[in-house]
């Protein structure tokens, strides 16, 4: 669900995910994309995909970082798996 929000409203998706500075950067990126798209008379509407791509990638990386941090904290709390343990 957060990814759908990130595609259609990138700054809001980043704010919901807890990334206010990335949201501010995304607003600036969105403004530049809109200005360049209008100035080129809609020749490069692909520029409008940049803020969405930034938001999706940023949200994915933050979620992976959180997941990794949770795993590391669980290992620190309970210790490493016993030898010979496999997935």
Protein backbone atom coordinates (compact mmCIF):
# COMPACT_ATOMS: atom_id res chain seq x y z
CA UNK A 1 0.00 0.00 0.00
CA UNK A 2 2.83 2.41 0.82
CA UNK A 3 4.31 1.78 -2.62
CA UNK A 4 1.07 2.81 -4.34
CA UNK A 5 1.10 6.00 -2.31
CA UNK A 6 4.77 6.52 -3.23
CA UNK A 7 4.01 6.19 -6.93
CA UNK A 8 1.07 8.59 -7.03
CA UNK A 9 1.98 11.03 -4.21
CA UNK A 10 5.72 10.59 -3.65
CA UNK A 11 6.30 13.21 -0.91
CA UNK A 12 3.32 11.97 1.11
CA UNK A 13 4.50 8.37 0.79
CA UNK A 14 7.91 9.36 2.14
CA UNK A 15 6.35 11.28 5.04
CA UNK A 16 4.15 8.32 5.97
CA UNK A 17 7.25 6.12 5.93
CA UNK A 18 8.99 8.50 8.36
CA UNK A 19 11.45 10.18 5.99
CA UNK A 20 10.85 13.95 6.23
CA UNK A 21 14.15 15.05 4.66
CA UNK A 22 13.69 12.69 1.73
CA UNK A 23 10.16 14.10 1.36
CA UNK A 24 11.53 17.66 1.18
CA UNK A 25 14.09 16.58 -1.41
CA UNK A 26 11.30 14.86 -3.32
CA UNK A 27 9.18 18.03 -3.31
CA UNK A 28 12.13 19.92 -4.81
CA UNK A 29 12.66 17.15 -7.36
CA UNK A 30 8.96 17.20 -8.20
CA UNK A 31 9.02 20.98 -8.70
CA UNK A 32 12.05 20.79 -10.98
CA UNK A 33 10.43 17.96 -12.95
CA UNK A 34 7.21 19.93 -13.41
CA UNK A 35 9.06 23.07 -14.51
CA UNK A 36 11.26 21.18 -16.98
CA UNK A 37 8.29 19.25 -18.35
CA UNK A 38 6.32 22.48 -18.91
CA UNK A 39 9.31 24.34 -20.38
CA UNK A 40 9.99 21.59 -22.90
CA UNK A 41 6.32 21.68 -23.92
CA UNK A 42 5.74 18.16 -22.58
CA UNK A 43 8.49 16.69 -24.77
CA UNK A 44 10.01 14.85 -21.81
CA UNK A 45 7.15 13.67 -19.57
CA UNK A 46 9.48 10.90 -18.42
CA UNK A 47 10.95 13.48 -16.03
CA UNK A 48 7.75 13.15 -14.02
CA UNK A 49 8.73 9.55 -13.17
CA UNK A 50 11.86 10.64 -11.29
CA UNK A 51 10.15 11.70 -8.03
CA UNK A 52 8.11 8.48 -7.96
CA UNK A 53 11.19 6.36 -8.62
CA UNK A 54 13.08 8.21 -5.89
CA UNK A 55 10.25 7.61 -3.41
CA UNK A 56 9.86 3.91 -4.20
CA UNK A 57 13.60 3.24 -4.02
CA UNK A 58 13.97 5.25 -0.82
CA UNK A 59 11.07 3.45 0.88
CA UNK A 60 12.41 0.06 -0.19
CA UNK A 61 15.89 0.83 1.14
CA UNK A 62 14.54 2.14 4.45
CA UNK A 63 12.36 -0.92 4.94
CA UNK A 64 15.27 -3.24 4.20
CA UNK A 65 17.43 -1.30 6.66
CA UNK A 66 14.75 -1.64 9.36
CA UNK A 67 14.39 -5.36 8.68
CA UNK A 68 18.15 -5.84 8.89
CA UNK A 69 18.29 -3.88 12.15
CA UNK A 70 15.53 -6.08 13.64
CA UNK A 71 17.43 -9.24 12.71
CA UNK A 72 20.67 -7.92 14.20
CA UNK A 73 18.86 -6.94 17.43
CA UNK A 74 17.28 -10.41 17.66
CA UNK A 75 20.69 -12.05 17.22
CA UNK A 76 22.18 -9.78 19.88
CA UNK A 77 19.35 -10.63 22.30
CA UNK A 78 19.20 -14.38 21.76
CA UNK A 79 22.63 -15.19 20.40
CA UNK A 80 23.59 -16.68 17.06
CA UNK A 81 21.91 -19.85 15.77
CA UNK A 82 23.47 -23.14 16.87
CA UNK A 83 26.18 -24.67 14.66
CA UNK A 84 24.85 -26.82 11.87
CA UNK A 85 21.59 -24.89 11.70
CA UNK A 86 20.43 -24.14 8.18
CA UNK A 87 17.39 -22.51 6.69
